[in-house]
């Protein structure tokens, strides 16, 4: 019997095949798994497919890929809907705990997002990322770039592609928790900016009630206008809101200052005692901390016509592997 994590991945593969109108190969399935929040490479996906083949839930159609069998359809029907609900919240909690970054010593592991682009688009993407970072709409100027064939997070970068790693805003939550401050990441959303001034959240998704990362939802729906903000000062950005106890406010503000000194930024509302916060309700006795999303540079790539494969909340990475953009 597989462990619960493996079982969730197997069920998700069955779900992906059930939603497809044609055979699917391991690469396509791996890409879809990553989009849904599972950091699984092509080789690992093949391993899981073999497990499903052995159970009779999937079968190969020559070189075209896999299809779902009748047994697979029945297995999927019996899989609990709750397997997916709350998955993102659980994944966030896992990465918060795995964050070991110490802003004072500037050492330890941070949470990262990954984005793959064509090598032909690298210069354009790098320049755009630099603009987003320098304008303050990302989490950190520290990034990693991996060329084709290089390994990043146990996966080789595909031929003809380049991978960018950016610091994820969950790093902030992890540091707060590590220092004894309870954090509840409540909402992912879209923040409206007019003439360089933050106005309010126009759309939010509660992390506890979704099976897909809100940042993936907003980017796939093309709801940002980041380049317009860079060029004209007005538009829409990706952002998050988390809650902490009001009694921990002073300690949190000190930690946010330490993070800023360590080049972990992106906070645009540092626990002001106001409710609602930028149009979003905050629980009584708590204060809200709003930050931009580490996905903003990658969303800008898509706006510029660059084909991307974005993996939000991909993994933890030692901060020493990241280099500051110059």
Protein backbone atom coordinates (compact mmCIF):
# COMPACT_ATOMS: atom_id res chain seq x y z
CA UNK A 1 0.00 0.00 0.00
CA UNK A 2 1.56 3.35 -1.03
CA UNK A 3 2.05 6.11 1.53
CA UNK A 4 -0.63 8.88 1.52
CA UNK A 5 1.54 11.30 -0.50
CA UNK A 6 2.17 8.72 -3.24
CA UNK A 7 -1.51 7.75 -3.22
CA UNK A 8 -2.53 11.39 -3.81
CA UNK A 9 -0.17 11.59 -6.78
CA UNK A 10 -1.54 8.37 -8.26
CA UNK A 11 -5.12 9.62 -7.92
CA UNK A 12 -4.16 12.95 -9.49
CA UNK A 13 -2.63 11.14 -12.49
CA UNK A 14 -5.88 9.20 -12.90
CA UNK A 15 -7.81 12.46 -12.72
CA UNK A 16 -5.59 14.04 -15.38
CA UNK A 17 -6.08 11.08 -17.72
CA UNK A 18 -9.83 11.14 -17.13
CA UNK A 19 -9.96 14.81 -18.16
CA UNK A 20 -7.99 14.21 -21.37
CA UNK A 21 -9.66 13.38 -24.69
CA UNK A 22 -6.57 11.57 -25.99
CA UNK A 23 -3.60 9.50 -24.87
CA UNK A 24 -1.06 11.31 -22.69
CA UNK A 25 2.67 10.69 -22.35
CA UNK A 26 4.74 11.06 -19.19
CA UNK A 27 6.02 14.53 -20.13
CA UNK A 28 2.53 15.99 -20.60
CA UNK A 29 1.31 14.36 -17.42
CA UNK A 30 4.33 15.70 -15.48
CA UNK A 31 3.66 19.22 -16.77
CA UNK A 32 0.03 19.04 -15.69
CA UNK A 33 0.99 17.63 -12.29
CA UNK A 34 3.38 20.55 -11.76
CA UNK A 35 0.65 23.01 -12.74
CA UNK A 36 -1.55 21.46 -10.06
CA UNK A 37 1.08 21.79 -7.36
CA UNK A 38 2.92 18.44 -7.51
CA UNK A 39 6.66 18.82 -8.08
CA UNK A 40 7.15 15.61 -10.06
CA UNK A 41 9.64 15.24 -12.91
CA UNK A 42 9.19 13.14 -16.03
CA UNK A 43 11.19 10.21 -14.67
CA UNK A 44 9.26 10.13 -11.40
CA UNK A 45 5.99 10.36 -13.35
CA UNK A 46 6.98 7.29 -15.38
CA UNK A 47 7.57 5.41 -12.12
CA UNK A 48 4.08 6.30 -10.89
CA UNK A 49 2.58 5.32 -14.25
CA UNK A 50 4.19 1.89 -13.98
CA UNK A 51 2.52 1.48 -10.58
CA UNK A 52 -0.84 2.32 -12.14
CA UNK A 53 -0.19 -0.07 -15.05
CA UNK A 54 0.56 -2.88 -12.61
CA UNK A 55 -2.75 -2.28 -10.83
CA UNK A 56 -4.64 -2.30 -14.12
CA UNK A 57 -5.76 1.33 -13.75
CA UNK A 58 -3.92 2.57 -16.87
CA UNK A 59 -2.55 1.00 -20.04
CA UNK A 60 -0.13 2.01 -22.78
CA UNK A 61 -1.27 2.76 -26.32
CA UNK A 62 1.98 2.14 -28.14
CA UNK A 63 4.14 5.26 -28.27
CA UNK A 64 1.15 7.60 -27.93
CA UNK A 65 0.95 7.40 -24.16
CA UNK A 66 -1.43 6.16 -21.46
CA UNK A 67 -5.20 5.94 -21.22
CA UNK A 68 -7.49 5.22 -18.30
CA UNK A 69 -8.97 1.71 -18.04
CA UNK A 70 -12.44 0.82 -16.72
CA UNK A 71 -10.79 -0.22 -13.46
CA UNK A 72 -9.05 3.14 -13.35
CA UNK A 73 -12.36 4.95 -13.83
CA UNK A 74 -13.89 3.01 -10.94
CA UNK A 75 -10.89 3.72 -8.71
CA UNK A 76 -11.16 7.43 -9.47
CA UNK A 77 -14.89 7.42 -8.65
CA UNK A 78 -14.16 5.95 -5.24
CA UNK A 79 -11.33 8.39 -4.46
CA UNK A 80 -12.43 10.88 -1.83
CA UNK A 81 -13.07 14.40 -3.05
CA UNK A 82 -11.42 15.58 0.15
CA UNK A 83 -8.11 14.14 -1.06
CA UNK A 84 -7.59 17.35 -3.01
CA UNK A 85 -9.50 19.88 -0.92
CA UNK A 86 -7.09 21.51 1.46
CA UNK A 87 -4.07 20.08 -0.38
CA UNK A 88 -2.62 23.55 -1.06
CA UNK A 89 -2.96 24.57 2.60
CA UNK A 90 -1.22 21.37 3.69
CA UNK A 91 1.56 21.94 1.14
CA UNK A 92 2.03 25.51 2.38
CA UNK A 93 2.28 24.36 5.99
CA UNK A 94 4.87 21.78 4.96
CA UNK A 95 7.05 24.40 3.26
CA UNK A 96 6.65 26.85 6.13
CA UNK A 97 8.10 24.24 8.48
CA UNK A 98 10.89 23.35 6.03
CA UNK A 99 12.00 26.99 5.81
CA UNK A 100 15.21 27.36 7.84
CA UNK A 101 16.30 30.79 6.59
CA UNK A 102 17.84 33.06 9.24
CA UNK A 103 17.77 36.70 8.09
CA UNK A 104 20.39 37.76 10.64
CA UNK A 105 23.04 35.31 9.38
CA UNK A 106 21.59 35.29 5.85
CA UNK A 107 21.77 31.49 5.76
CA UNK A 108 19.46 28.49 5.50
CA UNK A 109 16.75 27.30 3.13
CA UNK A 110 14.16 29.50 1.43
CA UNK A 111 11.05 28.47 -0.51
CA UNK A 112 11.32 28.98 -4.27
CA UNK A 113 9.10 29.14 -7.34
CA UNK A 114 10.38 27.79 -10.66
CA UNK A 115 9.69 28.97 -14.20
CA UNK A 116 10.88 27.34 -17.44
CA UNK A 117 11.26 29.40 -20.64
CA UNK A 118 12.82 28.85 -24.05
CA UNK A 119 16.51 29.73 -24.32
CA UNK A 120 15.53 31.99 -27.23
CA UNK A 121 13.49 34.09 -24.79
CA UNK A 122 16.12 34.23 -22.04
CA UNK A 123 17.41 37.78 -22.63
CA UNK A 124 13.88 39.17 -22.85
CA UNK A 125 12.78 37.27 -19.74
CA UNK A 126 15.85 38.21 -17.70
CA UNK A 127 15.43 41.90 -18.55
CA UNK A 128 11.77 41.80 -17.60
CA UNK A 129 12.50 40.00 -14.35
CA UNK A 130 15.08 42.65 -13.48
CA UNK A 131 12.49 45.40 -14.04
CA UNK A 132 9.92 43.70 -11.81
CA UNK A 133 12.48 43.08 -9.05
CA UNK A 134 13.96 46.59 -9.17
CA UNK A 135 10.46 48.10 -9.02
CA UNK A 136 9.80 46.23 -5.76
CA UNK A 137 7.04 43.93 -7.02
CA UNK A 138 8.85 40.66 -6.26
CA UNK A 139 10.08 39.09 -3.02
CA UNK A 140 13.83 39.20 -3.53
CA UNK A 141 16.53 40.20 -6.04
CA UNK A 142 18.14 36.82 -5.33
CA UNK A 143 17.50 34.30 -8.11
CA UNK A 144 18.99 31.21 -9.67
CA UNK A 145 19.23 30.52 -13.40
CA UNK A 146 19.80 26.94 -14.60
CA UNK A 147 20.68 26.18 -18.23
CA UNK A 148 19.52 23.18 -20.26
CA UNK A 149 20.94 19.93 -18.93
CA UNK A 150 21.68 21.41 -15.49
CA UNK A 151 19.91 19.90 -12.52
CA UNK A 152 17.49 22.00 -10.54
CA UNK A 153 15.50 20.46 -7.70
CA UNK A 154 16.42 16.92 -8.78
CA UNK A 155 15.16 17.47 -12.34
CA UNK A 156 17.23 18.20 -15.43
CA UNK A 157 16.31 21.38 -17.31
CA UNK A 158 14.88 20.20 -20.68
CA UNK A 159 16.83 20.75 -23.89
CA UNK A 160 16.34 24.21 -25.34
CA UNK A 161 15.03 25.66 -22.07
CA UNK A 162 16.25 27.72 -19.12
CA UNK A 163 14.88 27.62 -15.57
CA UNK A 164 14.48 30.61 -13.26
CA UNK A 165 14.14 30.16 -9.48
CA UNK A 166 12.67 33.05 -7.47
CA UNK A 167 12.10 33.40 -3.73
CA UNK A 168 8.51 32.57 -2.77
CA UNK A 169 6.58 34.75 -0.30
CA UNK A 170 5.98 31.64 1.84
CA UNK A 171 9.57 32.17 3.01
CA UNK A 172 8.29 35.14 5.03
CA UNK A 173 5.70 32.96 6.76
CA UNK A 174 8.31 30.29 7.47
CA UNK A 175 10.62 32.79 9.15
CA UNK A 176 7.80 34.17 11.30
CA UNK A 177 6.77 30.66 12.39
CA UNK A 178 10.38 29.66 13.10
CA UNK A 179 10.54 32.62 15.49
CA UNK A 180 7.42 31.62 17.39
CA UNK A 181 4.80 33.73 15.60
CA UNK A 182 1.68 31.82 14.45
CA UNK A 183 0.84 32.61 10.82
CA UNK A 184 -2.25 31.86 8.79
CA UNK A 185 -1.81 32.50 5.07
CA UNK A 186 -5.40 33.45 4.25
CA UNK A 187 -5.75 34.74 0.72
CA UNK A 188 -4.05 34.88 -2.64
CA UNK A 189 -5.33 37.70 -4.77
CA UNK A 190 -5.08 40.50 -7.27
CA UNK A 191 -4.11 43.96 -6.01
CA UNK A 192 -5.04 47.10 -7.94
CA UNK A 193 -2.41 49.84 -8.34
CA UNK A 194 -3.22 53.32 -9.68
CA UNK A 195 -0.49 55.85 -10.46
CA UNK A 196 1.94 53.87 -8.32
CA UNK A 197 -0.40 53.80 -5.30
CA UNK A 198 -1.87 50.54 -3.97
CA UNK A 199 -5.66 50.71 -3.91
CA UNK A 200 -7.29 47.44 -2.88
CA UNK A 201 -7.68 43.74 -3.59
CA UNK A 202 -10.10 43.19 -6.47
CA UNK A 203 -10.13 39.37 -6.35
CA UNK A 204 -9.13 36.91 -3.62
CA UNK A 205 -9.17 33.13 -3.19
CA UNK A 206 -9.09 31.54 0.27
CA UNK A 207 -6.17 29.11 0.45
CA UNK A 208 -8.08 26.77 2.78
CA UNK A 209 -10.89 26.19 0.30
CA UNK A 210 -9.05 25.56 -2.95
CA UNK A 211 -7.38 22.58 -4.57
CA UNK A 212 -5.27 24.69 -6.96
CA UNK A 213 -2.76 27.40 -6.02
CA UNK A 214 -4.53 30.79 -6.38
CA UNK A 215 -1.49 32.20 -8.20
CA UNK A 216 -1.89 29.50 -10.86
CA UNK A 217 -5.56 30.40 -11.22
CA UNK A 218 -4.90 34.10 -11.72
CA UNK A 219 -1.99 33.64 -14.12
CA UNK A 220 -3.85 31.08 -16.25
CA UNK A 221 -6.77 33.51 -16.52
CA UNK A 222 -4.36 36.31 -17.51
CA UNK A 223 -5.70 38.63 -14.79
CA UNK A 224 -2.48 40.59 -14.23
CA UNK A 225 -1.19 43.69 -16.03
CA UNK A 226 2.28 43.89 -14.49
CA UNK A 227 3.99 45.38 -17.54
CA UNK A 228 1.40 48.18 -17.54
CA UNK A 229 2.30 48.92 -13.90
CA UNK A 230 5.99 49.06 -14.86
CA UNK A 231 5.35 51.32 -17.86
CA UNK A 232 2.50 53.53 -16.67
CA UNK A 233 2.17 53.00 -12.92
CA UNK A 234 -1.30 51.44 -13.05
CA UNK A 235 -2.52 47.86 -13.31
CA UNK A 236 -2.93 44.61 -11.40
CA UNK A 237 -0.41 42.51 -9.45
CA UNK A 238 -0.41 39.15 -7.67
CA UNK A 239 -0.33 39.36 -3.87
CA UNK A 240 -1.02 37.47 -0.62
CA UNK A 241 -2.47 38.27 2.80
CA UNK A 242 -1.60 36.41 5.99
CA UNK A 243 -2.86 36.94 9.54
CA UNK A 244 -0.91 36.94 12.81
CA UNK A 245 -2.04 37.67 16.40
CA UNK A 246 -2.09 41.37 17.20
CA UNK A 247 -0.05 40.57 20.32
CA UNK A 248 2.83 39.44 18.07
CA UNK A 249 2.82 42.63 15.99
CA UNK A 250 5.98 44.23 17.41
CA UNK A 251 8.00 41.01 17.14
CA UNK A 252 6.76 40.51 13.58
CA UNK A 253 7.72 44.03 12.51
CA UNK A 254 11.24 43.47 13.88
CA UNK A 255 11.53 40.26 11.85
CA UNK A 256 10.24 42.00 8.73
CA UNK A 257 12.99 44.60 9.18
CA UNK A 258 15.56 41.79 9.47
CA UNK A 259 14.18 40.17 6.32
CA UNK A 260 14.37 43.46 4.45
CA UNK A 261 18.03 43.80 5.43
CA UNK A 262 18.60 40.28 4.05
CA UNK A 263 17.00 41.19 0.69
CA UNK A 264 13.69 39.45 1.40
CA UNK A 265 11.16 42.16 0.65
CA UNK A 266 7.78 42.53 -1.04
CA UNK A 267 5.75 43.56 2.03
CA UNK A 268 3.44 46.48 1.26
CA UNK A 269 1.23 46.38 4.36
CA UNK A 270 3.09 45.52 7.55
CA UNK A 271 0.42 44.65 10.10
CA UNK A 272 -1.46 47.92 10.33
CA UNK A 273 -4.28 47.66 12.86
CA UNK A 274 -7.04 48.23 10.29
CA UNK A 275 -9.99 46.05 9.28
CA UNK A 276 -10.74 45.36 6.53
CA UNK A 277 -7.25 45.49 5.02
CA UNK A 278 -7.35 46.83 1.46
CA UNK A 279 -10.88 45.51 1.12
CA UNK A 280 -10.17 42.10 2.69
CA UNK A 281 -11.66 41.09 6.10
CA UNK A 282 -9.22 40.43 8.94
CA UNK A 283 -10.21 38.36 11.98
CA UNK A 284 -10.76 40.20 15.26
CA UNK A 285 -7.64 40.21 17.44
CA UNK A 286 -5.36 39.72 14.46
CA UNK A 287 -3.54 41.93 11.99
CA UNK A 288 -2.85 41.40 8.33
CA UNK A 289 0.47 41.35 6.49
CA UNK A 290 0.18 41.81 2.73
CA UNK A 291 2.97 41.00 0.31
CA UNK A 292 3.51 40.77 -3.41
CA UNK A 293 3.83 37.30 -4.89
CA UNK A 294 7.15 35.82 -5.97
CA UNK A 295 5.31 34.74 -9.14
CA UNK A 296 4.93 38.34 -10.42
CA UNK A 297 8.07 38.24 -12.63
CA UNK A 298 6.87 35.00 -14.25
CA UNK A 299 3.37 36.37 -14.82
CA UNK A 300 5.02 39.32 -16.59
CA UNK A 301 6.81 36.85 -18.89
CA UNK A 302 3.44 35.55 -20.04
CA UNK A 303 2.15 39.08 -20.60
CA UNK A 304 5.14 39.71 -22.88
CA UNK A 305 4.27 36.69 -25.02
CA UNK A 306 6.92 34.40 -23.54
CA UNK A 307 5.76 30.79 -23.25
CA UNK A 308 6.23 29.65 -19.66
CA UNK A 309 5.85 26.63 -17.41
CA UNK A 310 5.42 27.99 -13.89
CA UNK A 311 5.75 25.87 -10.74
CA UNK A 312 4.58 27.91 -7.73
CA UNK A 313 5.77 26.73 -4.33
CA UNK A 314 8.16 24.30 -6.01
CA UNK A 315 10.68 23.41 -3.28
CA UNK A 316 13.14 24.70 -0.69
CA UNK A 317 16.61 25.78 -1.78
CA UNK A 318 19.66 26.93 0.17
CA UNK A 319 19.88 30.69 -0.12
CA UNK A 320 23.59 30.35 -1.02
CA UNK A 321 22.50 28.86 -4.37
CA UNK A 322 20.77 32.12 -5.26
CA UNK A 323 22.63 35.13 -6.61
CA UNK A 324 21.60 38.77 -6.37
CA UNK A 325 20.62 40.34 -9.68
CA UNK A 326 23.00 43.12 -10.63
